[in-house]
Amino acid sequence: MRDDTEQTRLEDFDQSDGHKPQDQQFLPPAERRTREKVHLWHRTRHEGEEWGVCNFDGTVFFAQLINGEIHAHGMKAVCRWCGDDIVIRDDKVFCGGRCGRYQGQFSLSPDTYLLWEGAKSYTLRKEISQVEGLQLEPRDLEPIQYAPNWSVFDEYDEDQQ
């Protein structure tokens, strides 16, 4: 739970007329703050850096390669079982330490992020492809089949009878 948020309490309201105290009333239109435009996806990959895509048990993410080592979310990736370093062998990732266990798949192609369904929503897939410069899958380029333009309520329309 965040300590910096302030929750309205029931006793903040005046019992007689139900109005909030002066400091919690709405601001006049001239003093209202405008909301910033919220972006669905912020650019992850940057020019001049080496990036790949990992798929660990269905969790697909962009991974930065620094000196041949996988870094995810700014931290060096390690084996989930023993904590040792992990290594890339062809298109697979293994523990390079004690246990040697298989970790998941790896690809240097950033388009693999969409192929491995790193995002399932069409809207998010489209946004990620634009921001990251990825190629959409052929299924994403097909026209979306919308719901038909009829409703069960049309059956009860009085004008049609």
C-alpha atoms as a PDB file:
ATOM      1  CA  MET A   1       0.000   0.000   0.000  1.00  0.00           C
ATOM      2  CA  ARG A   2       1.353   3.431  -0.898  1.00  0.00           C
ATOM      3  CA  ASP A   3       1.806   5.896   1.928  1.00  0.00           C
ATOM      4  CA  ASP A   4       1.755   8.983  -0.290  1.00  0.00           C
ATOM      5  CA  THR A   5      -1.877   8.621  -1.380  1.00  0.00           C
ATOM      6  CA  GLU A   6      -4.634  10.271   0.572  1.00  0.00           C
ATOM      7  CA  GLN A   7      -7.916   8.464   0.832  1.00  0.00           C
ATOM      8  CA  THR A   8     -11.135  10.336   1.482  1.00  0.00           C
ATOM      9  CA  ARG A   9     -12.648   9.398   4.797  1.00  0.00           C
ATOM     10  CA  LEU A  10     -16.331   9.427   5.679  1.00  0.00           C
ATOM     11  CA  GLU A  11     -15.744  12.052   8.370  1.00  0.00           C
ATOM     12  CA  ASP A  12     -14.367  14.406   5.676  1.00  0.00           C
ATOM     13  CA  PHE A  13     -17.951  15.020   4.604  1.00  0.00           C
ATOM     14  CA  ASP A  14     -20.219  17.324   6.530  1.00  0.00           C
ATOM     15  CA  GLN A  15     -23.164  15.337   7.839  1.00  0.00           C
ATOM     16  CA  SER A  16     -25.656  18.173   7.390  1.00  0.00           C
ATOM     17  CA  ASP A  17     -25.234  19.116   3.725  1.00  0.00           C
ATOM     18  CA  GLY A  18     -22.869  16.466   2.273  1.00  0.00           C
ATOM     19  CA  HIS A  19     -20.299  18.964   0.956  1.00  0.00           C
ATOM     20  CA  LYS A  20     -16.578  18.332   1.042  1.00  0.00           C
ATOM     21  CA  PRO A  21     -14.269  20.688   2.935  1.00  0.00           C
ATOM     22  CA  GLN A  22     -13.013  23.696   0.957  1.00  0.00           C
ATOM     23  CA  ASP A  23      -9.583  22.195   0.146  1.00  0.00           C
ATOM     24  CA  GLN A  24     -11.117  19.128  -1.547  1.00  0.00           C
ATOM     25  CA  GLN A  25     -13.641  20.876  -3.787  1.00  0.00           C
ATOM     26  CA  PHE A  26     -13.201  20.863  -7.530  1.00  0.00           C
ATOM     27  CA  LEU A  27     -10.985  23.533  -9.006  1.00  0.00           C
ATOM     28  CA  PRO A  28     -12.458  26.116 -11.383  1.00  0.00           C
ATOM     29  CA  PRO A  29     -11.958  25.263 -15.088  1.00  0.00           C
ATOM     30  CA  ALA A  30      -9.137  27.794 -15.469  1.00  0.00           C
ATOM     31  CA  GLU A  31      -7.110  26.132 -12.701  1.00  0.00           C
ATOM     32  CA  ARG A  32      -7.668  22.507 -13.706  1.00  0.00           C
ATOM     33  CA  ARG A  33      -4.648  20.585 -14.793  1.00  0.00           C
ATOM     34  CA  THR A  34      -4.759  18.922 -18.168  1.00  0.00           C
ATOM     35  CA  ARG A  35      -3.880  15.266 -18.266  1.00  0.00           C
ATOM     36  CA  GLU A  36      -0.789  14.140 -20.061  1.00  0.00           C
ATOM     37  CA  LYS A  37      -1.328  11.791 -22.964  1.00  0.00           C
ATOM     38  CA  VAL A  38      -0.726   8.277 -21.704  1.00  0.00           C
ATOM     39  CA  HIS A  39       1.278   5.983 -23.957  1.00  0.00           C
ATOM     40  CA  LEU A  40       0.576   2.264 -24.045  1.00  0.00           C
ATOM     41  CA  TRP A  41       4.238   1.424 -24.681  1.00  0.00           C
ATOM     42  CA  HIS A  42       7.489   3.281 -24.105  1.00  0.00           C
ATOM     43  CA  ARG A  43      10.438   2.508 -26.357  1.00  0.00           C
ATOM     44  CA  THR A  44      12.577  -0.252 -24.894  1.00  0.00           C
ATOM     45  CA  ARG A  45      15.262  -0.801 -27.515  1.00  0.00           C
ATOM     46  CA  HIS A  46      17.668   1.977 -28.484  1.00  0.00           C
ATOM     47  CA  GLU A  47      20.013   2.408 -31.433  1.00  0.00           C
ATOM     48  CA  GLY A  48      23.579   1.222 -30.911  1.00  0.00           C
ATOM     49  CA  GLU A  49      22.577  -1.431 -28.377  1.00  0.00           C
ATOM     50  CA  GLU A  50      22.291  -5.162 -29.005  1.00  0.00           C
ATOM     51  CA  TRP A  51      18.877  -6.592 -28.147  1.00  0.00           C
ATOM     52  CA  GLY A  52      17.192  -9.962 -28.413  1.00  0.00           C
ATOM     53  CA  VAL A  53      13.963 -11.610 -27.346  1.00  0.00           C
ATOM     54  CA  CYS A  54      13.614 -14.297 -24.663  1.00  0.00           C
ATOM     55  CA  ASN A  55      10.731 -16.674 -24.060  1.00  0.00           C
ATOM     56  CA  PHE A  56      10.952 -18.204 -20.600  1.00  0.00           C
ATOM     57  CA  ASP A  57       7.909 -20.423 -19.926  1.00  0.00           C
ATOM     58  CA  GLY A  58       5.588 -18.211 -21.961  1.00  0.00           C
ATOM     59  CA  THR A  59       6.937 -14.946 -20.557  1.00  0.00           C
ATOM     60  CA  VAL A  60       8.270 -13.076 -23.577  1.00  0.00           C
ATOM     61  CA  PHE A  61      10.492 -10.039 -23.030  1.00  0.00           C
ATOM     62  CA  PHE A  62      13.130  -7.898 -24.709  1.00  0.00           C
ATOM     63  CA  ALA A  63      16.613  -8.666 -23.400  1.00  0.00           C
ATOM     64  CA  GLN A  64      19.670  -6.499 -23.847  1.00  0.00           C
ATOM     65  CA  LEU A  65      22.957  -8.227 -24.575  1.00  0.00           C
ATOM     66  CA  ILE A  66      25.915  -6.648 -22.802  1.00  0.00           C
ATOM     67  CA  ASN A  67      29.241  -8.447 -23.373  1.00  0.00           C
ATOM     68  CA  GLY A  68      27.285 -11.551 -24.400  1.00  0.00           C
ATOM     69  CA  GLU A  69      25.279 -11.596 -21.165  1.00  0.00           C
ATOM     70  CA  ILE A  70      21.492 -11.245 -21.003  1.00  0.00           C
ATOM     71  CA  HIS A  71      20.167  -8.230 -19.120  1.00  0.00           C
ATOM     72  CA  ALA A  72      16.445  -7.838 -18.489  1.00  0.00           C
ATOM     73  CA  HIS A  73      14.872  -4.678 -17.061  1.00  0.00           C
ATOM     74  CA  GLY A  74      18.334  -3.243 -16.367  1.00  0.00           C
ATOM     75  CA  MET A  75      19.563  -6.233 -14.350  1.00  0.00           C
ATOM     76  CA  LYS A  76      21.744  -9.182 -15.304  1.00  0.00           C
ATOM     77  CA  ALA A  77      19.626 -12.305 -15.807  1.00  0.00           C
ATOM     78  CA  VAL A  78      20.552 -15.370 -13.756  1.00  0.00           C
ATOM     79  CA  CYS A  79      19.323 -18.946 -13.456  1.00  0.00           C
ATOM     80  CA  ARG A  80      16.009 -19.108 -11.657  1.00  0.00           C
ATOM     81  CA  TRP A  81      16.969 -22.343  -9.879  1.00  0.00           C
ATOM     82  CA  CYS A  82      20.567 -21.894  -8.720  1.00  0.00           C
ATOM     83  CA  GLY A  83      21.275 -18.186  -9.352  1.00  0.00           C
ATOM     84  CA  ASP A  84      24.341 -18.766 -11.542  1.00  0.00           C
ATOM     85  CA  ASP A  85      24.968 -17.044 -14.872  1.00  0.00           C
ATOM     86  CA  ILE A  86      22.931 -18.083 -17.894  1.00  0.00           C
ATOM     87  CA  VAL A  87      24.340 -18.624 -21.377  1.00  0.00           C
ATOM     88  CA  ILE A  88      22.922 -18.571 -24.894  1.00  0.00           C
ATOM     89  CA  ARG A  89      23.535 -21.658 -27.030  1.00  0.00           C
ATOM     90  CA  ASP A  90      22.199 -21.193 -30.556  1.00  0.00           C
ATOM     91  CA  ASP A  91      18.530 -20.297 -29.976  1.00  0.00           C
ATOM     92  CA  LYS A  92      18.234 -21.686 -26.433  1.00  0.00           C
ATOM     93  CA  VAL A  93      19.187 -20.347 -23.005  1.00  0.00           C
ATOM     94  CA  PHE A  94      20.729 -22.599 -20.356  1.00  0.00           C
ATOM     95  CA  CYS A  95      22.213 -22.210 -16.901  1.00  0.00           C
ATOM     96  CA  GLY A  96      25.974 -21.926 -17.275  1.00  0.00           C
ATOM     97  CA  GLY A  97      26.579 -22.886 -13.648  1.00  0.00           C
ATOM     98  CA  ARG A  98      25.848 -25.761 -11.285  1.00  0.00           C
ATOM     99  CA  CYS A  99      22.483 -27.030 -12.518  1.00  0.00           C
ATOM    100  CA  GLY A 100      22.809 -26.500 -16.301  1.00  0.00           C
ATOM    101  CA  ARG A 101      19.013 -26.399 -16.669  1.00  0.00           C
ATOM    102  CA  TYR A 102      17.164 -25.188 -19.740  1.00  0.00           C
ATOM    103  CA  GLN A 103      15.773 -21.671 -19.243  1.00  0.00           C
ATOM    104  CA  GLY A 104      13.962 -20.922 -22.503  1.00  0.00           C
ATOM    105  CA  GLN A 105      14.220 -19.715 -26.094  1.00  0.00           C
ATOM    106  CA  PHE A 106      16.252 -16.827 -27.479  1.00  0.00           C
ATOM    107  CA  SER A 107      16.146 -14.905 -30.747  1.00  0.00           C
ATOM    108  CA  LEU A 108      18.171 -11.967 -32.043  1.00  0.00           C
ATOM    109  CA  SER A 109      15.253 -10.890 -34.262  1.00  0.00           C
ATOM    110  CA  PRO A 110      13.123  -8.272 -32.468  1.00  0.00           C
ATOM    111  CA  ASP A 111      10.107  -9.277 -34.604  1.00  0.00           C
ATOM    112  CA  THR A 112      10.062 -12.549 -32.656  1.00  0.00           C
ATOM    113  CA  TYR A 113       8.501 -10.609 -29.779  1.00  0.00           C
ATOM    114  CA  LEU A 114       5.205 -10.497 -31.670  1.00  0.00           C
ATOM    115  CA  LEU A 115       5.628 -14.001 -33.128  1.00  0.00           C
ATOM    116  CA  TRP A 116       5.985 -15.460 -29.620  1.00  0.00           C
ATOM    117  CA  GLU A 117       2.997 -13.371 -28.492  1.00  0.00           C
ATOM    118  CA  GLY A 118       4.788 -11.034 -26.108  1.00  0.00           C
ATOM    119  CA  ALA A 119       1.575  -9.014 -26.394  1.00  0.00           C
ATOM    120  CA  LYS A 120      -1.762 -10.664 -27.078  1.00  0.00           C
ATOM    121  CA  SER A 121      -4.013  -7.618 -27.543  1.00  0.00           C
ATOM    122  CA  TYR A 122      -4.274  -6.370 -31.124  1.00  0.00           C
ATOM    123  CA  THR A 123      -4.195  -2.759 -29.922  1.00  0.00           C
ATOM    124  CA  LEU A 124      -1.048  -3.311 -27.875  1.00  0.00           C
ATOM    125  CA  ARG A 125       0.620  -5.342 -30.647  1.00  0.00           C
ATOM    126  CA  LYS A 126      -0.024  -2.507 -33.086  1.00  0.00           C
ATOM    127  CA  GLU A 127       1.332   0.105 -30.658  1.00  0.00           C
ATOM    128  CA  ILE A 128       4.470  -1.940 -29.884  1.00  0.00           C
ATOM    129  CA  SER A 129       5.154  -2.509 -33.577  1.00  0.00           C
ATOM    130  CA  GLN A 130       4.973   1.238 -34.244  1.00  0.00           C
ATOM    131  CA  VAL A 131       7.096   2.291 -31.263  1.00  0.00           C
ATOM    132  CA  GLU A 132       9.726  -0.454 -31.575  1.00  0.00           C
ATOM    133  CA  GLY A 133       9.739  -0.583 -35.389  1.00  0.00           C
ATOM    134  CA  LEU A 134       8.600  -4.222 -35.592  1.00  0.00           C
ATOM    135  CA  GLN A 135       6.807  -6.013 -38.417  1.00  0.00           C
ATOM    136  CA  LEU A 136       3.264  -7.030 -37.554  1.00  0.00           C
ATOM    137  CA  GLU A 137       2.306 -10.656 -38.051  1.00  0.00           C
ATOM    138  CA  PRO A 138       0.133 -11.414 -41.130  1.00  0.00           C
ATOM    139  CA  ARG A 139      -2.819 -12.215 -38.856  1.00  0.00           C
ATOM    140  CA  ASP A 140      -2.582  -8.676 -37.426  1.00  0.00           C
ATOM    141  CA  LEU A 141      -2.841  -7.176 -40.907  1.00  0.00           C
ATOM    142  CA  GLU A 142      -6.089  -8.952 -41.751  1.00  0.00           C
ATOM    143  CA  PRO A 143      -9.310  -6.993 -41.314  1.00  0.00           C
ATOM    144  CA  ILE A 144     -10.823  -7.419 -37.883  1.00  0.00           C
ATOM    145  CA  GLN A 145     -14.148  -9.231 -37.903  1.00  0.00           C
ATOM    146  CA  TYR A 146     -16.506  -6.987 -35.977  1.00  0.00           C
ATOM    147  CA  ALA A 147     -19.733  -8.018 -34.338  1.00  0.00           C
ATOM    148  CA  PRO A 148     -22.726  -7.927 -36.691  1.00  0.00           C
ATOM    149  CA  ASN A 149     -24.789  -4.748 -36.882  1.00  0.00           C
ATOM    150  CA  TRP A 150     -27.886  -6.417 -35.479  1.00  0.00           C
ATOM    151  CA  SER A 151     -29.137  -6.910 -31.995  1.00  0.00           C
ATOM    152  CA  VAL A 152     -31.541  -9.303 -30.347  1.00  0.00           C
ATOM    153  CA  PHE A 153     -33.594  -6.215 -29.539  1.00  0.00           C
ATOM    154  CA  ASP A 154     -34.282  -5.798 -33.283  1.00  0.00           C
ATOM    155  CA  GLU A 155     -36.561  -8.812 -32.994  1.00  0.00           C
ATOM    156  CA  TYR A 156     -38.799  -6.797 -30.655  1.00  0.00           C
ATOM    157  CA  ASP A 157     -38.787  -3.595 -32.676  1.00  0.00           C
ATOM    158  CA  GLU A 158     -42.405  -2.401 -32.889  1.00  0.00           C
ATOM    159  CA  ASP A 159     -41.921  -0.707 -36.250  1.00  0.00           C
ATOM    160  CA  GLN A 160     -41.017  -3.981 -37.985  1.00  0.00           C
ATOM    161  CA  GLN A 161     -44.234  -5.793 -36.981  1.00  0.00           C
END
